[in-house]
Amino acid sequence: MLVDPILQLEKQNPRAPCLYRLQGDQWISFSRADVIDAVHRLCTQWQTDGLKSGQRILVLMENRPEWAVTAVACNRYGLVLVPAYTTHQEHEIEYLLDRSQASAVVTSVGELSDRLKSIDSASQILWYTADDQSKILFPNLTQRNDKLVPNQDPDSLYALIPTSGTNGQPKLVELTQNNIFANVTSILTVLRDAEIDQPHRFLSFLPLAHAYEHMAGLYLPLHLGGEIFYCERLDKLATLMADIKPTLMTAVPRLYELLYGRITAQVTKSGRLKQKIFQTAINLGNQSKLTLKDHCTNWICERLVRNKVRKRFGGRLQYFVSGGAALNPEISRFFRGLGVGILQGYGQTEASPVISVNRPGSARAETVGPALPEVEVRLTDEGELLVRGENVMRGYWQDPEATEATIRDGWLYTGDLAEIDPDGHIRIVGRLKDLIVNSGGDNVAPAPIEQEITIYPEVDQVIVVGDGKPSLSALICLNSEFETDDPDTTIASVLKRYNSNKPPLLQVRKGLLLDEPCTIENGLLTPTQKIKRSLVVKHYQEAIDALY
């Protein structure tokens, strides 16, 4: 069972610190015993309230210890977890409640519970609320009943996790306990092979509603016997990293892009000597062999550049792990050169979610690494990546047609175009549904182009278009921190630099300035920071047509 290793670790060392919540400027620590006691009390309360195994429970909370307690309790009791994002609006929460037919909800005091109160269907189900002021996890629950019979079915449904919903309403992915357990076990094998499977210190800031953080930022640390510090506000992230000193961190490419932009902006403002030393550090840090002269120069770079960067991240960070979307290889090389490795992986919610990851010591920036242990991959004749393993979902909740279209003969059809190198490393080309077919019949994947253009300091967001057109164009949102009196000239300059070394097929001939950034609030960005391409194109269709 998914929860068994967590219970065993608690018996071995019940007083070991496990979860942390920031209250004011102080960290409140909860031991393994505190966590497991809260799990038992929550299960007992559910039993007292008449909830049955298999019923659904919606979770709408910030990243916090009570989130982890609720997830583990669902494992133990047999309730089905339905995670919602804190950025979800009322209609999105209502959709999840109605679609899952939830019988209960767990939320936190304040703005999130107020949002729930405005939804009629939420008033008709059971509520459980986390208190910000208490130093006890769920202090108002009943006393624990140690005679309660736990769920013992590893194939029981554990969670209904929403997909990103980039093309409409999200589907609910059915993940069993065994799905998550298989994924955690495979990751543990990778860490063990690299001899970095010690109890790590994690800083959790990606939404726990995201399948990636749910596995890598919740169950993986708990199975390692590690500590999890919860960051509820991203504006505190830089300060907290220096304070907490994490050893492993999971994040999406957007974070690395922001860090890259801030660091390079600071370097640009420094003198030429510092710029030269900084660039030398990156170059030498990406070389596998160094001459005697290089070793001497590298020693200087280590002291003047890399040590300062590591200190900025707490000084103990072994690796960043990137997932959730494609990472620009240039950003990966940038951080590797600065002495902070990024292991890029790949996955989907439907695969619990990790499918592949680069290994320490053999990471290749342009790939997402080889498949995890016990996970099979292959390509169709069209180049679509297929996946098979215990981590593959049971199906989509109450949607047999979508399930049959996605899982065929045991293989998960990912919808991603990919290439597999002879050594097993996987290269993701792009989404099949996003493929641009120009008027000449040529196929172009927009994702690699967007990755490259986004790395320019002037650019914040970009969407490449050109389906049925003679050439490519780009919808661009400029970086708010970049000052310009002439946006059109700035965009033209960006495209000129990008096009300078590209073949005609991949050149972006024209650019269009977006009226506003794609955000969660305007409905053009998912909670996982993915642009809703189809909605953006639809919104700007007339302007796009006017470019040709």
Protein backbone atom coordinates (compact mmCIF):
# COMPACT_ATOMS: atom_id res chain seq x y z
CA MET A 1 0.00 0.00 0.00
CA LEU A 2 1.13 3.54 -0.75
CA VAL A 3 0.91 4.59 2.89
CA ASP A 4 2.78 1.60 4.40
CA PRO A 5 6.37 2.96 4.08
CA ILE A 6 5.22 6.21 5.72
CA LEU A 7 3.74 4.30 8.68
CA GLN A 8 6.91 2.21 9.01
CA LEU A 9 9.13 5.31 9.13
CA GLU A 10 6.91 6.79 11.85
CA LYS A 11 7.36 3.65 13.98
CA GLN A 12 11.14 3.77 13.52
CA ASN A 13 11.49 7.40 14.59
CA PRO A 14 8.20 9.03 15.62
CA ARG A 15 9.83 12.25 16.82
CA ALA A 16 11.65 12.97 13.55
CA PRO A 17 10.54 16.30 12.00
CA CYS A 18 8.38 15.79 8.95
CA LEU A 19 6.24 18.77 7.88
CA TYR A 20 6.67 22.51 8.43
CA ARG A 21 4.30 25.46 8.19
CA LEU A 22 5.39 29.09 8.18
CA GLN A 23 3.44 31.06 10.78
CA GLY A 24 4.46 34.72 10.72
CA ASP A 25 8.24 34.53 10.54
CA GLN A 26 8.55 31.24 12.44
CA TRP A 27 8.45 27.66 11.20
CA ILE A 28 6.03 25.37 13.05
CA SER A 29 7.33 21.80 12.97
CA PHE A 30 5.20 18.64 12.95
CA SER A 31 6.83 15.30 13.70
CA ARG A 32 6.04 12.02 12.00
CA ALA A 33 3.97 11.09 15.06
CA ASP A 34 2.02 14.37 14.81
CA VAL A 35 1.27 13.69 11.16
CA ILE A 36 0.18 10.07 11.60
CA ASP A 37 -1.93 10.98 14.65
CA ALA A 38 -3.74 13.60 12.57
CA VAL A 39 -4.23 11.03 9.79
CA HIS A 40 -5.87 8.58 12.23
CA ARG A 41 -8.06 11.29 13.78
CA LEU A 42 -9.21 12.47 10.34
CA CYS A 43 -10.07 8.90 9.31
CA THR A 44 -11.98 8.42 12.56
CA GLN A 45 -13.90 11.67 11.96
CA TRP A 46 -14.83 10.54 8.46
CA GLN A 47 -16.12 7.25 9.85
CA THR A 48 -18.12 9.09 12.54
CA ASP A 49 -19.63 11.34 9.87
CA GLY A 50 -20.72 8.36 7.79
CA LEU A 51 -18.34 8.72 4.83
CA LYS A 52 -17.69 5.47 2.96
CA SER A 53 -14.68 4.15 1.07
CA GLY A 54 -14.88 5.19 -2.58
CA GLN A 55 -16.68 8.47 -1.98
CA ARG A 56 -14.99 11.59 -3.33
CA ILE A 57 -13.58 14.46 -1.27
CA LEU A 58 -12.51 17.77 -2.81
CA VAL A 59 -9.37 19.45 -1.41
CA LEU A 60 -9.02 23.22 -1.79
CA MET A 61 -6.07 24.39 0.28
CA GLU A 62 -2.76 26.17 -0.05
CA ASN A 63 0.35 23.96 0.19
CA ARG A 64 0.40 23.19 3.90
CA PRO A 65 0.80 20.21 6.28
CA GLU A 66 -2.97 19.61 6.38
CA TRP A 67 -2.88 18.97 2.62
CA ALA A 68 -0.41 16.12 3.15
CA VAL A 69 -2.40 14.76 6.10
CA THR A 70 -5.58 14.71 4.00
CA ALA A 71 -3.84 12.89 1.14
CA VAL A 72 -2.39 10.21 3.42
CA ALA A 73 -5.73 9.85 5.22
CA CYS A 74 -7.47 9.27 1.88
CA ASN A 75 -5.03 6.41 1.28
CA ARG A 76 -5.68 4.99 4.71
CA TYR A 77 -9.45 5.30 4.70
CA GLY A 78 -10.23 4.78 1.02
CA LEU A 79 -11.76 8.15 0.12
CA VAL A 80 -10.99 9.42 -3.39
CA LEU A 81 -9.04 12.69 -3.43
CA VAL A 82 -10.17 15.43 -5.87
CA PRO A 83 -7.56 18.24 -5.76
CA ALA A 84 -8.50 21.78 -6.80
CA TYR A 85 -6.11 24.64 -7.49
CA THR A 86 -6.21 27.69 -5.24
CA THR A 87 -6.40 29.75 -8.44
CA HIS A 88 -9.61 28.01 -9.54
CA GLN A 89 -12.57 30.33 -9.80
CA GLU A 90 -16.03 29.48 -8.48
CA HIS A 91 -17.29 27.97 -11.74
CA GLU A 92 -14.21 25.73 -12.01
CA ILE A 93 -14.59 24.50 -8.42
CA GLU A 94 -18.28 23.90 -9.03
CA TYR A 95 -17.41 21.85 -12.11
CA LEU A 96 -15.08 19.62 -10.06
CA LEU A 97 -17.64 19.20 -7.28
CA ASP A 98 -20.41 18.27 -9.70
CA ARG A 99 -18.27 16.18 -12.04
CA SER A 100 -16.80 14.10 -9.21
CA GLN A 101 -20.04 14.04 -7.18
CA ALA A 102 -18.00 14.91 -4.10
CA SER A 103 -19.45 14.10 -0.69
CA ALA A 104 -17.10 16.30 1.34
CA VAL A 105 -14.55 19.09 1.08
CA VAL A 106 -11.36 19.99 2.96
CA THR A 107 -10.37 23.64 2.89
CA SER A 108 -8.61 26.33 4.94
CA VAL A 109 -9.94 29.27 6.90
CA GLY A 110 -10.09 32.53 4.96
CA GLU A 111 -10.38 33.41 1.29
CA LEU A 112 -10.61 29.82 0.01
CA SER A 113 -13.41 28.81 2.36
CA ASP A 114 -15.21 32.05 1.52
CA ARG A 115 -14.96 31.16 -2.17
CA LEU A 116 -16.48 27.75 -1.46
CA LYS A 117 -19.34 29.29 0.52
CA SER A 118 -20.51 31.09 -2.63
CA ILE A 119 -21.09 27.75 -4.40
CA ASP A 120 -24.51 26.20 -3.77
CA SER A 121 -23.42 22.58 -4.21
CA ALA A 122 -20.64 23.05 -1.63
CA SER A 123 -23.16 23.93 1.08
CA GLN A 124 -24.81 20.53 0.72
CA ILE A 125 -21.77 18.40 1.62
CA LEU A 126 -19.55 17.83 4.67
CA TRP A 127 -16.81 20.39 5.45
CA TYR A 128 -13.44 19.98 7.17
CA THR A 129 -11.38 23.11 7.77
CA ALA A 130 -7.69 23.68 8.53
CA ASP A 131 -6.91 26.36 11.10
CA ASP A 132 -4.02 28.78 10.51
CA GLN A 133 -3.54 29.63 14.18
CA SER A 134 -3.39 26.21 15.82
CA LYS A 135 -0.12 24.36 16.42
CA ILE A 136 -2.07 21.10 16.17
CA LEU A 137 -3.09 19.59 12.83
CA PHE A 138 -6.90 19.64 12.57
CA PRO A 139 -7.40 20.40 16.29
CA ASN A 140 -11.22 20.06 16.24
CA LEU A 141 -11.36 16.43 15.13
CA THR A 142 -12.61 13.56 17.26
CA GLN A 143 -10.24 11.24 19.14
CA ARG A 144 -8.55 8.59 17.00
CA ASN A 145 -9.95 5.08 16.80
CA ASP A 146 -7.04 2.65 16.43
CA LYS A 147 -9.47 -0.21 15.72
CA LEU A 148 -10.61 1.38 12.48
CA VAL A 149 -10.07 -1.08 9.61
CA PRO A 150 -7.86 0.59 6.95
CA ASN A 151 -8.23 0.30 3.21
CA GLN A 152 -6.15 -2.68 2.04
CA ASP A 153 -6.80 -2.67 -1.70
CA PRO A 154 -3.74 -1.40 -3.65
CA ASP A 155 -5.83 -1.19 -6.82
CA SER A 156 -8.49 1.00 -5.21
CA LEU A 157 -9.10 4.40 -6.74
CA TYR A 158 -7.01 6.98 -4.89
CA ALA A 159 -7.45 10.27 -6.77
CA LEU A 160 -9.28 12.05 -9.58
CA ILE A 161 -6.69 14.57 -10.75
CA PRO A 162 -7.81 17.18 -13.30
CA THR A 163 -5.85 17.53 -16.53
CA SER A 164 -4.55 20.98 -17.44
CA GLY A 165 -7.61 21.78 -19.55
CA THR A 166 -5.70 23.63 -22.28
CA ASN A 167 -8.44 22.77 -24.79
CA GLY A 168 -11.58 23.07 -22.69
CA GLN A 169 -12.92 21.49 -19.51
CA PRO A 170 -10.37 19.28 -17.76
CA LYS A 171 -10.84 15.52 -17.70
CA LEU A 172 -10.51 13.74 -14.36
CA VAL A 173 -7.71 11.19 -14.38
CA GLU A 174 -8.32 8.04 -12.33
CA LEU A 175 -5.16 7.15 -10.42
CA THR A 176 -5.04 4.16 -8.11
CA GLN A 177 -2.85 3.69 -5.06
CA ASN A 178 -0.73 1.29 -7.08
CA ASN A 179 -0.27 3.87 -9.88
CA ILE A 180 1.29 6.40 -7.49
CA PHE A 181 3.24 3.72 -5.59
CA ALA A 182 4.76 2.40 -8.83
CA ASN A 183 5.86 5.91 -9.83
CA VAL A 184 7.42 6.65 -6.44
CA THR A 185 9.20 3.28 -6.45
CA SER A 186 10.70 3.95 -9.88
CA ILE A 187 11.96 7.38 -8.80
CA LEU A 188 13.45 5.89 -5.63
CA THR A 189 15.34 3.39 -7.80
CA VAL A 190 16.80 6.26 -9.87
CA LEU A 191 17.87 8.11 -6.71
CA ARG A 192 19.32 4.92 -5.20
CA ASP A 193 21.33 4.18 -8.34
CA ALA A 194 22.75 7.71 -8.15
CA GLU A 195 23.42 7.29 -4.41
CA ILE A 196 21.30 10.33 -3.52
CA ASP A 197 18.38 8.52 -1.86
CA GLN A 198 18.96 10.01 1.59
CA PRO A 199 16.20 11.83 3.55
CA HIS A 200 16.13 15.07 1.59
CA ARG A 201 14.92 18.50 2.61
CA PHE A 202 12.21 19.74 0.21
CA LEU A 203 10.68 23.16 -0.31
CA SER A 204 7.18 22.60 -1.67
CA PHE A 205 5.75 25.51 -3.64
CA LEU A 206 4.25 24.03 -6.82
CA PRO A 207 0.50 23.44 -6.33
CA LEU A 208 -0.12 20.07 -4.67
CA ALA A 209 -3.13 19.77 -6.96
CA HIS A 210 -0.62 19.24 -9.79
CA ALA A 211 0.19 15.55 -10.31
CA TYR A 212 3.91 16.36 -10.51
CA GLU A 213 4.11 18.03 -7.09
CA HIS A 214 1.64 15.52 -5.67
CA MET A 215 4.06 12.68 -6.38
CA ALA A 216 7.52 14.33 -6.32
CA GLY A 217 6.82 16.95 -3.65
CA LEU A 218 4.61 14.90 -1.33
CA TYR A 219 4.91 11.12 -1.56
CA LEU A 220 8.53 10.96 -2.66
CA PRO A 221 9.78 13.01 0.36
CA LEU A 222 7.55 11.01 2.73
CA HIS A 223 8.88 7.70 1.38
CA LEU A 224 12.45 9.01 1.73
CA GLY A 225 11.81 10.01 5.32
CA GLY A 226 12.56 13.60 4.39
CA GLU A 227 11.31 16.98 5.56
CA ILE A 228 8.86 19.17 3.64
CA PHE A 229 8.68 22.94 4.13
CA TYR A 230 5.56 24.52 2.64
CA CYS A 231 5.81 27.82 0.81
CA GLU A 232 2.37 29.40 0.41
CA ARG A 233 3.57 32.53 -1.43
CA LEU A 234 5.93 32.60 -4.42
CA ASP A 235 7.19 36.08 -3.58
CA LYS A 236 8.87 34.54 -0.52
CA LEU A 237 10.56 31.75 -2.47
CA ALA A 238 14.04 33.31 -2.86
CA THR A 239 14.22 34.23 0.83
CA LEU A 240 12.96 30.82 1.95
CA MET A 241 15.48 28.93 -0.19
CA ALA A 242 18.36 30.69 1.56
CA ASP A 243 16.70 30.07 4.94
CA ILE A 244 15.62 26.43 4.52
CA LYS A 245 18.60 25.19 2.51
CA PRO A 246 16.75 22.52 0.47
CA THR A 247 18.68 19.58 -0.96
CA LEU A 248 16.24 18.69 -3.77
CA MET A 249 13.67 20.91 -5.46
CA THR A 250 11.02 20.21 -8.05
CA ALA A 251 9.79 23.01 -10.28
CA VAL A 252 8.34 23.79 -13.68
CA PRO A 253 10.36 25.51 -16.46
CA ARG A 254 8.66 28.84 -15.76
CA LEU A 255 10.58 29.15 -12.48
CA TYR A 256 13.93 28.45 -14.16
CA GLU A 257 13.10 30.96 -16.90
CA LEU A 258 12.40 33.63 -14.26
CA LEU A 259 15.60 32.83 -12.35
CA TYR A 260 17.57 32.86 -15.60
CA GLY A 261 16.10 36.25 -16.53
CA ARG A 262 16.83 37.81 -13.15
CA ILE A 263 20.39 36.50 -12.94
CA THR A 264 21.29 37.53 -16.49
CA ALA A 265 19.71 40.97 -15.97
CA GLN A 266 21.90 41.51 -12.90
CA VAL A 267 25.00 40.38 -14.75
CA THR A 268 24.23 42.70 -17.68
CA LYS A 269 24.21 45.65 -15.28
CA SER A 270 27.64 44.74 -13.89
CA GLY A 271 31.02 45.66 -15.36
CA ARG A 272 32.61 43.95 -18.35
CA LEU A 273 35.11 42.04 -16.20
CA LYS A 274 32.36 40.49 -14.09
CA GLN A 275 30.40 39.65 -17.24
CA LYS A 276 33.44 37.93 -18.72
CA ILE A 277 34.11 35.90 -15.55
CA PHE A 278 30.43 34.92 -15.36
CA GLN A 279 30.37 33.70 -18.97
CA THR A 280 33.65 31.86 -18.47
CA ALA A 281 32.12 30.05 -15.47
CA ILE A 282 29.21 28.88 -17.62
CA ASN A 283 31.48 27.76 -20.47
CA LEU A 284 33.90 25.83 -18.24
CA GLY A 285 31.07 24.34 -16.20
CA ASN A 286 29.72 22.67 -19.34
CA GLN A 287 33.04 21.18 -20.45
CA SER A 288 33.76 17.54 -19.66
CA LYS A 289 37.55 17.92 -19.92
CA LEU A 290 39.67 20.84 -18.72
CA THR A 291 43.28 21.76 -19.43
CA LEU A 292 45.63 22.74 -16.61
CA LYS A 293 45.02 26.41 -17.44
CA ASP A 294 41.26 25.77 -17.47
CA HIS A 295 41.47 24.16 -14.03
CA CYS A 296 43.09 27.28 -12.62
CA THR A 297 40.51 29.54 -14.25
CA ASN A 298 37.71 27.24 -13.11
CA TRP A 299 38.95 27.49 -9.50
CA ILE A 300 38.58 31.26 -9.71
CA CYS A 301 35.08 30.90 -11.23
CA GLU A 302 34.13 28.51 -8.46
CA ARG A 303 34.96 31.06 -5.78
CA LEU A 304 33.78 34.21 -7.51
CA VAL A 305 30.64 32.93 -9.24
CA ARG A 306 29.38 29.43 -8.42
CA ASN A 307 29.70 29.60 -4.64
CA LYS A 308 27.64 32.80 -4.64
CA VAL A 309 24.94 31.21 -6.83
CA ARG A 310 24.79 28.09 -4.62
CA LYS A 311 24.52 30.27 -1.52
CA ARG A 312 21.57 32.04 -3.14
CA PHE A 313 19.81 28.66 -3.32
CA GLY A 314 20.69 27.74 0.26
CA GLY A 315 24.10 26.15 -0.30
CA ARG A 316 23.00 22.49 0.01
CA LEU A 317 20.99 22.04 -3.19
CA GLN A 318 22.08 18.92 -5.05
CA TYR A 319 19.68 19.14 -7.98
CA PHE A 320 16.74 21.00 -9.39
CA VAL A 321 14.27 18.65 -11.09
CA SER A 322 12.24 20.11 -13.95
CA GLY A 323 8.93 18.80 -15.22
CA GLY A 324 5.44 19.82 -16.27
CA ALA A 325 6.56 21.34 -19.58
CA ALA A 326 9.58 21.46 -21.88
CA LEU A 327 12.72 23.18 -20.59
CA ASN A 328 14.89 25.19 -22.95
CA PRO A 329 18.25 23.32 -23.20
CA GLU A 330 20.07 26.66 -23.01
CA ILE A 331 18.63 27.26 -19.52
CA SER A 332 19.70 23.79 -18.41
CA ARG A 333 23.26 24.44 -19.62
CA PHE A 334 23.21 27.86 -17.95
CA PHE A 335 22.52 26.41 -14.49
CA ARG A 336 24.85 23.47 -14.99
CA GLY A 337 27.61 25.92 -15.79
CA LEU A 338 26.85 27.71 -12.53
CA GLY A 339 27.19 24.48 -10.56
CA VAL A 340 23.46 23.81 -10.04
CA GLY A 341 22.32 20.81 -12.06
CA ILE A 342 18.82 20.54 -13.51
CA LEU A 343 17.50 17.07 -14.21
CA GLN A 344 14.79 17.44 -16.80
CA GLY A 345 12.04 14.86 -16.79
CA TYR A 346 8.85 14.26 -18.69
CA GLY A 347 5.45 13.01 -17.75
CA GLN A 348 1.70 13.34 -17.91
CA THR A 349 -1.03 13.24 -15.30
CA GLU A 350 -2.20 10.03 -16.99
CA ALA A 351 1.14 8.38 -16.04
CA SER A 352 1.09 9.34 -12.34
CA PRO A 353 2.91 11.46 -13.73
CA VAL A 354 6.64 10.78 -14.40
CA ILE A 355 7.57 8.80 -17.50
CA SER A 356 11.26 9.60 -17.94
CA VAL A 357 14.01 11.63 -16.29
CA ASN A 358 17.66 12.45 -16.88
CA ARG A 359 20.03 10.65 -14.53
CA PRO A 360 22.70 12.37 -12.43
CA GLY A 361 26.04 12.08 -14.19
CA SER A 362 24.56 11.44 -17.63
CA ALA A 363 22.04 14.27 -18.05
CA ARG A 364 21.60 15.65 -21.56
CA ALA A 365 19.96 19.06 -21.73
CA GLU A 366 18.22 18.48 -25.06
CA THR A 367 16.43 15.34 -23.82
CA VAL A 368 14.04 14.33 -21.04
CA GLY A 369 16.19 11.32 -20.20
CA PRO A 370 15.45 7.61 -20.55
CA ALA A 371 12.26 5.96 -19.32
CA LEU A 372 11.95 5.17 -15.63
CA PRO A 373 12.68 1.64 -14.43
CA GLU A 374 9.67 -0.63 -15.08
CA VAL A 375 8.27 1.81 -17.65
CA GLU A 376 8.19 0.88 -21.35
CA VAL A 377 8.16 3.40 -24.21
CA ARG A 378 7.93 3.10 -27.98
CA LEU A 379 6.96 5.21 -30.99
CA THR A 380 4.17 4.78 -33.49
CA ASP A 381 4.92 5.06 -37.21
CA GLU A 382 3.82 8.71 -36.95
CA GLY A 383 6.29 9.35 -34.11
CA GLU A 384 3.78 9.51 -31.24
CA LEU A 385 5.22 8.37 -27.90
CA LEU A 386 3.46 5.44 -26.26
CA VAL A 387 3.92 4.41 -22.61
CA ARG A 388 3.17 1.21 -20.72
CA GLY A 389 3.64 0.38 -17.04
CA GLU A 390 2.04 0.15 -13.61
CA ASN A 391 2.05 3.96 -13.47
CA VAL A 392 -0.49 4.32 -16.31
CA MET A 393 -3.90 5.52 -15.17
CA ARG A 394 -7.00 3.36 -14.90
CA GLY A 395 -8.86 5.73 -17.22
CA TYR A 396 -10.81 8.99 -17.33
CA TRP A 397 -13.60 9.34 -14.78
CA GLN A 398 -16.95 8.40 -16.34
CA ASP A 399 -15.59 8.93 -19.86
CA PRO A 400 -15.16 5.53 -21.55
CA GLU A 401 -14.79 7.03 -25.03
CA ALA A 402 -11.84 9.23 -24.05
CA THR A 403 -10.32 6.30 -22.13
CA GLU A 404 -10.56 3.95 -25.12
CA ALA A 405 -9.01 6.58 -27.38
CA THR A 406 -6.08 7.15 -25.01
CA ILE A 407 -5.31 3.64 -23.73
CA ARG A 408 -5.13 0.95 -26.39
CA ASP A 409 -3.84 -2.58 -25.76
CA GLY A 410 -2.34 -1.39 -22.50
CA TRP A 411 -0.39 1.47 -24.10
CA LEU A 412 -0.96 5.10 -23.15
CA TYR A 413 -1.07 7.29 -26.26
CA THR A 414 0.55 10.48 -24.97
CA GLY A 415 -0.29 12.78 -27.88
CA ASP A 416 3.36 13.90 -27.94
CA LEU A 417 5.67 13.62 -30.92
CA ALA A 418 9.03 12.26 -29.82
CA GLU A 419 12.33 10.74 -30.86
CA ILE A 420 14.19 8.02 -28.96
CA ASP A 421 17.98 7.95 -29.20
CA PRO A 422 19.84 4.61 -29.42
CA ASP A 423 20.77 4.90 -25.72
CA GLY A 424 17.13 5.35 -24.75
CA HIS A 425 17.12 9.12 -24.15
CA ILE A 426 13.82 10.66 -25.25
CA ARG A 427 13.45 13.94 -27.12
CA ILE A 428 10.02 15.55 -27.05
CA VAL A 429 9.30 17.35 -30.34
CA GLY A 430 5.89 18.79 -29.41
CA ARG A 431 2.19 18.08 -29.06
CA LEU A 432 0.52 16.41 -32.02
CA LYS A 433 -2.52 18.67 -31.65
CA ASP A 434 -0.29 21.79 -31.72
CA LEU A 435 1.54 20.80 -34.91
CA ILE A 436 1.42 23.58 -37.51
CA VAL A 437 0.80 22.49 -41.10
CA ASN A 438 1.64 25.40 -43.39
CA SER A 439 0.09 26.09 -46.81
CA GLY A 440 2.89 24.09 -48.44
CA GLY A 441 2.05 21.00 -46.41
CA ASP A 442 5.15 21.17 -44.19
CA ASN A 443 4.82 20.22 -40.51
CA VAL A 444 6.33 22.52 -37.88
CA ALA A 445 6.32 21.95 -34.11
CA PRO A 446 5.89 25.36 -32.45
CA ALA A 447 7.19 24.41 -28.97
CA PRO A 448 10.96 24.43 -29.73
CA ILE A 449 10.61 27.79 -31.49
CA GLU A 450 8.67 29.25 -28.56
CA GLN A 451 11.27 27.97 -26.10
CA GLU A 452 14.05 29.72 -27.97
CA ILE A 453 12.24 33.04 -28.39
CA THR A 454 11.08 33.10 -24.77
CA ILE A 455 14.68 33.09 -23.58
CA TYR A 456 15.27 36.60 -25.01
CA PRO A 457 15.14 39.11 -22.13
CA GLU A 458 12.58 41.28 -23.93
CA VAL A 459 10.05 38.43 -24.18
CA ASP A 460 7.69 37.10 -21.53
CA GLN A 461 5.32 34.89 -23.54
CA VAL A 462 5.11 33.76 -27.15
CA ILE A 463 2.69 31.71 -29.27
CA VAL A 464 3.84 30.68 -32.74
CA VAL A 465 1.09 30.45 -35.38
CA GLY A 466 0.89 29.74 -39.09
CA ASP A 467 -1.49 26.84 -39.65
CA GLY A 468 -2.54 26.92 -43.30
CA LYS A 469 -0.37 30.00 -43.90
CA PRO A 470 2.72 30.43 -46.11
CA SER A 471 5.00 31.29 -43.16
CA LEU A 472 5.19 31.44 -39.38
CA SER A 473 4.24 34.40 -37.22
CA ALA A 474 4.37 34.96 -33.47
CA LEU A 475 2.06 36.48 -30.88
CA ILE A 476 4.36 38.07 -28.32
CA CYS A 477 3.93 39.52 -24.86
CA LEU A 478 6.92 41.63 -23.87
CA ASN A 479 8.56 41.43 -20.47
CA SER A 480 7.07 44.11 -18.19
CA GLU A 481 10.53 44.79 -16.75
CA PHE A 482 11.94 45.58 -20.19
CA GLU A 483 11.51 49.25 -21.04
CA THR A 484 10.74 50.18 -24.64
CA ASP A 485 9.03 53.10 -26.35
CA ASP A 486 8.51 51.15 -29.54
CA PRO A 487 7.18 47.59 -28.95
CA ASP A 488 6.90 46.83 -32.68
CA THR A 489 10.58 47.63 -33.24
CA THR A 490 11.50 45.53 -30.21
CA ILE A 491 9.56 42.55 -31.56
CA ALA A 492 11.15 42.99 -34.99
CA SER A 493 14.60 43.00 -33.36
CA VAL A 494 13.84 39.80 -31.43
CA LEU A 495 12.64 38.00 -34.57
CA LYS A 496 15.65 39.22 -36.57
CA ARG A 497 18.00 37.70 -34.00
CA TYR A 498 16.04 34.47 -33.88
CA ASN A 499 15.85 34.16 -37.68
CA SER A 500 19.56 34.83 -38.24
CA ASN A 501 20.58 31.16 -38.15
CA LYS A 502 17.31 29.43 -39.05
CA PRO A 503 16.27 27.74 -42.31
CA PRO A 504 13.34 29.38 -44.14
CA LEU A 505 10.81 26.83 -42.85
CA LEU A 506 11.51 27.72 -39.20
CA GLN A 507 11.83 31.47 -39.60
CA VAL A 508 9.18 33.63 -37.93
CA ARG A 509 8.45 36.38 -40.44
CA LYS A 510 6.05 38.61 -38.50
CA GLY A 511 5.17 39.39 -34.91
CA LEU A 512 2.05 40.67 -33.19
CA LEU A 513 2.02 42.35 -29.77
CA LEU A 514 -0.48 40.80 -27.35
CA ASP A 515 -2.92 43.23 -25.72
CA GLU A 516 -2.17 41.72 -22.30
CA PRO A 517 -0.29 38.76 -20.82
CA CYS A 518 -1.91 35.34 -20.77
CA THR A 519 -2.96 34.89 -17.14
CA ILE A 520 -5.09 32.59 -15.03
CA GLU A 521 -7.41 35.52 -14.35
CA ASN A 522 -8.20 36.19 -18.02
CA GLY A 523 -8.60 32.49 -18.72
CA LEU A 524 -5.66 32.20 -21.14
CA LEU A 525 -3.30 30.38 -18.77
CA THR A 526 -3.84 27.14 -16.87
CA PRO A 527 -3.02 26.81 -13.15
CA THR A 528 0.08 24.87 -14.27
CA GLN A 529 1.32 27.89 -16.25
CA LYS A 530 0.48 26.49 -19.69
CA ILE A 531 -0.87 28.88 -22.30
CA LYS A 532 -4.28 27.90 -23.66
CA ARG A 533 -3.12 28.07 -27.25
CA SER A 534 -6.46 27.44 -28.93
CA LEU A 535 -8.20 30.20 -26.93
CA VAL A 536 -5.41 32.70 -27.62
CA VAL A 537 -5.47 31.96 -31.35
CA LYS A 538 -9.26 32.22 -31.43
CA HIS A 539 -9.15 35.55 -29.59
CA TYR A 540 -6.56 37.03 -31.99
CA GLN A 541 -7.71 35.27 -35.19
CA GLU A 542 -8.61 38.45 -37.09
CA ALA A 543 -5.29 40.09 -36.22
CA ILE A 544 -3.44 36.91 -37.21
CA ASP A 545 -5.19 36.81 -40.59
CA ALA A 546 -4.28 40.47 -41.12
CA LEU A 547 -0.58 39.58 -40.88
CA TYR A 548 -0.76 37.63 -44.16
